[in-house]
Amino acid sequence: MNERDRHSGPAGADSTARVASAPVARHAVPSSQLFQGRREVAIEHNGETYSLRQTSKGGLILTK
């Protein structure tokens, strides 16, 4: 093993080569559209129901 191999990480990996990932486009929904004047909404996901609540200080709490 030479000096470069000791510092390059796993076999065949080159620590100087970085793969840049493309930014992920996210779809944003305003909370006002979700809540529509309510303090809590139910969200169904993969057969489970979750509760999304607004706190008195403006935060959000998601519970199962």
PDB file of N, CA and C in Angstrom:
ATOM      1  N   MET A   1       0.861  -1.182   0.000  1.00  0.00           N
ATOM      2  CA  MET A   1       0.000   0.000   0.000  1.00  0.00           C
ATOM      3  C   MET A   1       0.892   1.225   0.000  1.00  0.00           C
ATOM      4  N   ASN A   2       0.642   2.148  -0.910  1.00  0.00           N
ATOM      5  CA  ASN A   2       1.463   3.358  -0.939  1.00  0.00           C
ATOM      6  C   ASN A   2       0.802   4.463  -0.121  1.00  0.00           C
ATOM      7  N   GLU A   3       1.483   5.603  -0.021  1.00  0.00           N
ATOM      8  CA  GLU A   3       0.991   6.728   0.788  1.00  0.00           C
ATOM      9  C   GLU A   3      -0.393   7.192   0.344  1.00  0.00           C
ATOM     10  N   ARG A   4      -0.640   7.266  -0.958  1.00  0.00           N
ATOM     11  CA  ARG A   4      -1.946   7.705  -1.475  1.00  0.00           C
ATOM     12  C   ARG A   4      -3.045   6.748  -1.078  1.00  0.00           C
ATOM     13  N   ASP A   5      -2.777   5.439  -1.135  1.00  0.00           N
ATOM     14  CA  ASP A   5      -3.789   4.446  -0.791  1.00  0.00           C
ATOM     15  C   ASP A   5      -4.214   4.544   0.664  1.00  0.00           C
ATOM     16  N   ARG A   6      -3.294   4.910   1.549  1.00  0.00           N
ATOM     17  CA  ARG A   6      -3.634   4.998   2.973  1.00  0.00           C
ATOM     18  C   ARG A   6      -4.603   6.139   3.251  1.00  0.00           C
ATOM     19  N   HIS A   7      -4.616   7.143   2.404  1.00  0.00           N
ATOM     20  CA  HIS A   7      -5.447   8.327   2.664  1.00  0.00           C
ATOM     21  C   HIS A   7      -6.636   8.455   1.729  1.00  0.00           C
ATOM     22  N   SER A   8      -6.864   7.508   0.883  1.00  0.00           N
ATOM     23  CA  SER A   8      -7.926   7.663  -0.106  1.00  0.00           C
ATOM     24  C   SER A   8      -9.238   7.024   0.315  1.00  0.00           C
ATOM     25  N   GLY A   9      -9.307   6.429   1.491  1.00  0.00           N
ATOM     26  CA  GLY A   9     -10.563   5.845   1.954  1.00  0.00           C
ATOM     27  C   GLY A   9     -10.721   4.432   1.445  1.00  0.00           C
ATOM     28  N   PRO A  10     -11.969   3.990   1.230  1.00  0.00           N
ATOM     29  CA  PRO A  10     -12.233   2.624   0.785  1.00  0.00           C
ATOM     30  C   PRO A  10     -11.543   2.324  -0.540  1.00  0.00           C
ATOM     31  N   ALA A  11     -11.291   1.055  -0.759  1.00  0.00           N
ATOM     32  CA  ALA A  11     -10.606   0.630  -1.974  1.00  0.00           C
ATOM     33  C   ALA A  11     -11.276   1.212  -3.200  1.00  0.00           C
ATOM     34  N   GLY A  12     -10.476   1.837  -4.060  1.00  0.00           N
ATOM     35  CA  GLY A  12     -10.993   2.391  -5.298  1.00  0.00           C
ATOM     36  C   GLY A  12     -11.615   3.767  -5.154  1.00  0.00           C
ATOM     37  N   ALA A  13     -11.775   4.259  -3.929  1.00  0.00           N
ATOM     38  CA  ALA A  13     -12.390   5.576  -3.732  1.00  0.00           C
ATOM     39  C   ALA A  13     -11.322   6.647  -3.782  1.00  0.00           C
ATOM     40  N   ASP A  14     -11.583   7.718  -4.444  1.00  0.00           N
ATOM     41  CA  ASP A  14     -10.677   8.839  -4.508  1.00  0.00           C
ATOM     42  C   ASP A  14     -11.299   9.967  -3.715  1.00  0.00           C
ATOM     43  N   SER A  15     -10.663  10.363  -2.625  1.00  0.00           N
ATOM     44  CA  SER A  15     -11.252  11.362  -1.731  1.00  0.00           C
ATOM     45  C   SER A  15     -11.395  12.721  -2.390  1.00  0.00           C
ATOM     46  N   THR A  16     -10.657  12.963  -3.486  1.00  0.00           N
ATOM     47  CA  THR A  16     -10.765  14.260  -4.145  1.00  0.00           C
ATOM     48  C   THR A  16     -11.924  14.319  -5.126  1.00  0.00           C
ATOM     49  N   ALA A  17     -12.464  13.167  -5.507  1.00  0.00           N
ATOM     50  CA  ALA A  17     -13.587  13.133  -6.460  1.00  0.00           C
ATOM     51  C   ALA A  17     -14.893  13.248  -5.688  1.00  0.00           C
ATOM     52  N   ARG A  18     -15.633  14.276  -5.954  1.00  0.00           N
ATOM     53  CA  ARG A  18     -16.938  14.489  -5.310  1.00  0.00           C
ATOM     54  C   ARG A  18     -18.010  14.488  -6.388  1.00  0.00           C
ATOM     55  N   VAL A  19     -19.101  13.840  -6.111  1.00  0.00           N
ATOM     56  CA  VAL A  19     -20.224  13.840  -7.043  1.00  0.00           C
ATOM     57  C   VAL A  19     -21.212  14.884  -6.558  1.00  0.00           C
ATOM     58  N   ALA A  20     -21.427  15.896  -7.361  1.00  0.00           N
ATOM     59  CA  ALA A  20     -22.371  16.950  -6.991  1.00  0.00           C
ATOM     60  C   ALA A  20     -23.779  16.477  -7.301  1.00  0.00           C
ATOM     61  N   SER A  21     -24.624  16.520  -6.290  1.00  0.00           N
ATOM     62  CA  SER A  21     -26.012  16.128  -6.515  1.00  0.00           C
ATOM     63  C   SER A  21     -26.808  17.351  -6.966  1.00  0.00           C
ATOM     64  N   ALA A  22     -27.734  17.114  -7.844  1.00  0.00           N
ATOM     65  CA  ALA A  22     -28.584  18.187  -8.352  1.00  0.00           C
ATOM     66  C   ALA A  22     -29.549  18.624  -7.269  1.00  0.00           C
ATOM     67  N   PRO A  23     -29.850  19.914  -7.170  1.00  0.00           N
ATOM     68  CA  PRO A  23     -30.814  20.375  -6.170  1.00  0.00           C
ATOM     69  C   PRO A  23     -32.186  19.735  -6.421  1.00  0.00           C
ATOM     70  N   VAL A  24     -32.837  19.393  -5.339  1.00  0.00           N
ATOM     71  CA  VAL A  24     -34.159  18.773  -5.430  1.00  0.00           C
ATOM     72  C   VAL A  24     -35.218  19.870  -5.391  1.00  0.00           C
ATOM     73  N   ALA A  25     -36.063  19.894  -6.394  1.00  0.00           N
ATOM     74  CA  ALA A  25     -37.150  20.873  -6.420  1.00  0.00           C
ATOM     75  C   ALA A  25     -38.228  20.428  -5.435  1.00  0.00           C
ATOM     76  N   ARG A  26     -38.601  21.322  -4.537  1.00  0.00           N
ATOM     77  CA  ARG A  26     -39.628  20.986  -3.557  1.00  0.00           C
ATOM     78  C   ARG A  26     -40.896  21.776  -3.854  1.00  0.00           C
ATOM     79  N   HIS A  27     -42.007  21.131  -3.639  1.00  0.00           N
ATOM     80  CA  HIS A  27     -43.299  21.774  -3.823  1.00  0.00           C
ATOM     81  C   HIS A  27     -43.712  22.344  -2.470  1.00  0.00           C
ATOM     82  N   ALA A  28     -43.843  23.642  -2.370  1.00  0.00           N
ATOM     83  CA  ALA A  28     -44.209  24.298  -1.115  1.00  0.00           C
ATOM     84  C   ALA A  28     -45.695  24.640  -1.114  1.00  0.00           C
ATOM     85  N   VAL A  29     -46.348  24.290  -0.015  1.00  0.00           N
ATOM     86  CA  VAL A  29     -47.767  24.618   0.172  1.00  0.00           C
ATOM     87  C   VAL A  29     -47.845  25.543   1.387  1.00  0.00           C
ATOM     88  N   PRO A  30     -48.400  26.728   1.227  1.00  0.00           N
ATOM     89  CA  PRO A  30     -48.519  27.643   2.384  1.00  0.00           C
ATOM     90  C   PRO A  30     -49.355  27.002   3.490  1.00  0.00           C
ATOM     91  N   SER A  31     -48.925  27.166   4.728  1.00  0.00           N
ATOM     92  CA  SER A  31     -49.658  26.577   5.848  1.00  0.00           C
ATOM     93  C   SER A  31     -51.089  27.113   5.920  1.00  0.00           C
ATOM     94  N   SER A  32     -51.295  28.350   5.496  1.00  0.00           N
ATOM     95  CA  SER A  32     -52.653  28.913   5.512  1.00  0.00           C
ATOM     96  C   SER A  32     -53.583  28.123   4.596  1.00  0.00           C
ATOM     97  N   GLN A  33     -53.022  27.582   3.522  1.00  0.00           N
ATOM     98  CA  GLN A  33     -53.822  26.764   2.604  1.00  0.00           C
ATOM     99  C   GLN A  33     -54.157  25.410   3.248  1.00  0.00           C
ATOM    100  N   LEU A  34     -53.231  24.867   4.011  1.00  0.00           N
ATOM    101  CA  LEU A  34     -53.491  23.592   4.698  1.00  0.00           C
ATOM    102  C   LEU A  34     -54.507  23.754   5.829  1.00  0.00           C
ATOM    103  N   PHE A  35     -54.291  24.756   6.656  1.00  0.00           N
ATOM    104  CA  PHE A  35     -55.117  24.912   7.859  1.00  0.00           C
ATOM    105  C   PHE A  35     -56.450  25.599   7.590  1.00  0.00           C
ATOM    106  N   GLN A  36     -56.525  26.506   6.642  1.00  0.00           N
ATOM    107  CA  GLN A  36     -57.755  27.221   6.301  1.00  0.00           C
ATOM    108  C   GLN A  36     -58.499  27.728   7.538  1.00  0.00           C
ATOM    109  N   GLY A  37     -57.754  28.408   8.419  1.00  0.00           N
ATOM    110  CA  GLY A  37     -58.360  29.002   9.614  1.00  0.00           C
ATOM    111  C   GLY A  37     -58.454  28.070  10.817  1.00  0.00           C
ATOM    112  N   ARG A  38     -58.142  26.803  10.646  1.00  0.00           N
ATOM    113  CA  ARG A  38     -58.183  25.846  11.765  1.00  0.00           C
ATOM    114  C   ARG A  38     -56.822  25.796  12.445  1.00  0.00           C
ATOM    115  N   ARG A  39     -56.753  25.222  13.632  1.00  0.00           N
ATOM    116  CA  ARG A  39     -55.491  25.055  14.369  1.00  0.00           C
ATOM    117  C   ARG A  39     -54.887  23.667  14.141  1.00  0.00           C
ATOM    118  N   GLU A  40     -55.702  22.729  13.603  1.00  0.00           N
ATOM    119  CA  GLU A  40     -55.245  21.355  13.444  1.00  0.00           C
ATOM    120  C   GLU A  40     -55.832  20.737  12.178  1.00  0.00           C
ATOM    121  N   VAL A  41     -55.024  19.921  11.494  1.00  0.00           N
ATOM    122  CA  VAL A  41     -55.502  19.183  10.331  1.00  0.00           C
ATOM    123  C   VAL A  41     -55.036  17.733  10.441  1.00  0.00           C
ATOM    124  N   ALA A  42     -55.803  16.833   9.840  1.00  0.00           N
ATOM    125  CA  ALA A  42     -55.426  15.423   9.781  1.00  0.00           C
ATOM    126  C   ALA A  42     -54.790  15.149   8.423  1.00  0.00           C
ATOM    127  N   ILE A  43     -53.708  14.370   8.450  1.00  0.00           N
ATOM    128  CA  ILE A  43     -53.002  14.001   7.220  1.00  0.00           C
ATOM    129  C   ILE A  43     -52.964  12.485   7.147  1.00  0.00           C
ATOM    130  N   GLU A  44     -53.493  11.931   6.060  1.00  0.00           N
ATOM    131  CA  GLU A  44     -53.437  10.489   5.854  1.00  0.00           C
ATOM    132  C   GLU A  44     -52.231  10.174   4.999  1.00  0.00           C
ATOM    133  N   HIS A  45     -51.400   9.233   5.475  1.00  0.00           N
ATOM    134  CA  HIS A  45     -50.179   8.858   4.770  1.00  0.00           C
ATOM    135  C   HIS A  45     -49.904   7.373   4.968  1.00  0.00           C
ATOM    136  N   ASN A  46     -49.842   6.629   3.869  1.00  0.00           N
ATOM    137  CA  ASN A  46     -49.571   5.178   3.911  1.00  0.00           C
ATOM    138  C   ASN A  46     -50.484   4.434   4.884  1.00  0.00           C
ATOM    139  N   GLY A  47     -51.756   4.770   4.858  1.00  0.00           N
ATOM    140  CA  GLY A  47     -52.726   4.081   5.704  1.00  0.00           C
ATOM    141  C   GLY A  47     -52.747   4.526   7.157  1.00  0.00           C
ATOM    142  N   GLU A  48     -51.959   5.514   7.505  1.00  0.00           N
ATOM    143  CA  GLU A  48     -51.910   6.043   8.880  1.00  0.00           C
ATOM    144  C   GLU A  48     -52.439   7.471   8.883  1.00  0.00           C
ATOM    145  N   THR A  49     -53.008   7.898  10.005  1.00  0.00           N
ATOM    146  CA  THR A  49     -53.495   9.265  10.146  1.00  0.00           C
ATOM    147  C   THR A  49     -52.589  10.018  11.109  1.00  0.00           C
ATOM    148  N   TYR A  50     -52.120  11.164  10.665  1.00  0.00           N
ATOM    149  CA  TYR A  50     -51.260  12.031  11.467  1.00  0.00           C
ATOM    150  C   TYR A  50     -52.003  13.322  11.759  1.00  0.00           C
ATOM    151  N   SER A  51     -51.636  13.977  12.847  1.00  0.00           N
ATOM    152  CA  SER A  51     -52.226  15.251  13.221  1.00  0.00           C
ATOM    153  C   SER A  51     -51.148  16.329  13.126  1.00  0.00           C
ATOM    154  N   LEU A  52     -51.437  17.394  12.379  1.00  0.00           N
ATOM    155  CA  LEU A  52     -50.538  18.538  12.284  1.00  0.00           C
ATOM    156  C   LEU A  52     -51.213  19.698  12.993  1.00  0.00           C
ATOM    157  N   ARG A  53     -50.568  20.185  14.066  1.00  0.00           N
ATOM    158  CA  ARG A  53     -51.152  21.253  14.888  1.00  0.00           C
ATOM    159  C   ARG A  53     -50.250  22.481  14.903  1.00  0.00           C
ATOM    160  N   GLN A  54     -50.889  23.640  14.974  1.00  0.00           N
ATOM    161  CA  GLN A  54     -50.166  24.897  15.152  1.00  0.00           C
ATOM    162  C   GLN A  54     -50.037  25.167  16.643  1.00  0.00           C
ATOM    163  N   THR A  55     -48.856  25.573  17.083  1.00  0.00           N
ATOM    164  CA  THR A  55     -48.670  25.928  18.490  1.00  0.00           C
ATOM    165  C   THR A  55     -49.044  27.394  18.710  1.00  0.00           C
ATOM    166  N   SER A  56     -49.177  27.768  19.954  1.00  0.00           N
ATOM    167  CA  SER A  56     -49.517  29.150  20.283  1.00  0.00           C
ATOM    168  C   SER A  56     -48.403  30.124  19.890  1.00  0.00           C
ATOM    169  N   LYS A  57     -47.177  29.612  19.739  1.00  0.00           N
ATOM    170  CA  LYS A  57     -46.049  30.476  19.355  1.00  0.00           C
ATOM    171  C   LYS A  57     -45.741  30.411  17.866  1.00  0.00           C
ATOM    172  N   GLY A  58     -46.621  29.769  17.087  1.00  0.00           N
ATOM    173  CA  GLY A  58     -46.461  29.751  15.635  1.00  0.00           C
ATOM    174  C   GLY A  58     -45.702  28.569  15.071  1.00  0.00           C
ATOM    175  N   GLY A  59     -45.322  27.623  15.914  1.00  0.00           N
ATOM    176  CA  GLY A  59     -44.645  26.434  15.441  1.00  0.00           C
ATOM    177  C   GLY A  59     -45.629  25.382  14.986  1.00  0.00           C
ATOM    178  N   LEU A  60     -45.097  24.255  14.524  1.00  0.00           N
ATOM    179  CA  LEU A  60     -45.928  23.141  14.074  1.00  0.00           C
ATOM    180  C   LEU A  60     -45.516  21.867  14.810  1.00  0.00           C
ATOM    181  N   ILE A  61     -46.499  21.027  15.128  1.00  0.00           N
ATOM    182  CA  ILE A  61     -46.246  19.734  15.756  1.00  0.00           C
ATOM    183  C   ILE A  61     -46.968  18.674  14.940  1.00  0.00           C
ATOM    184  N   LEU A  62     -46.219  17.664  14.514  1.00  0.00           N
ATOM    185  CA  LEU A  62     -46.786  16.543  13.765  1.00  0.00           C
ATOM    186  C   LEU A  62     -46.729  15.316  14.661  1.00  0.00           C
ATOM    187  N   THR A  63     -47.908  14.705  14.904  1.00  0.00           N
ATOM    188  CA  THR A  63     -47.959  13.501  15.737  1.00  0.00           C
ATOM    189  C   THR A  63     -48.721  12.413  15.012  1.00  0.00           C
ATOM    190  N   LYS A  64     -48.436  11.183  15.385  1.00  0.00           N
ATOM    191  CA  LYS A  64     -49.090  10.028  14.780  1.00  0.00           C
ATOM    192  C   LYS A  64     -50.292   9.649  15.614  1.00  0.00           C
TER     193      LYS A  64
END
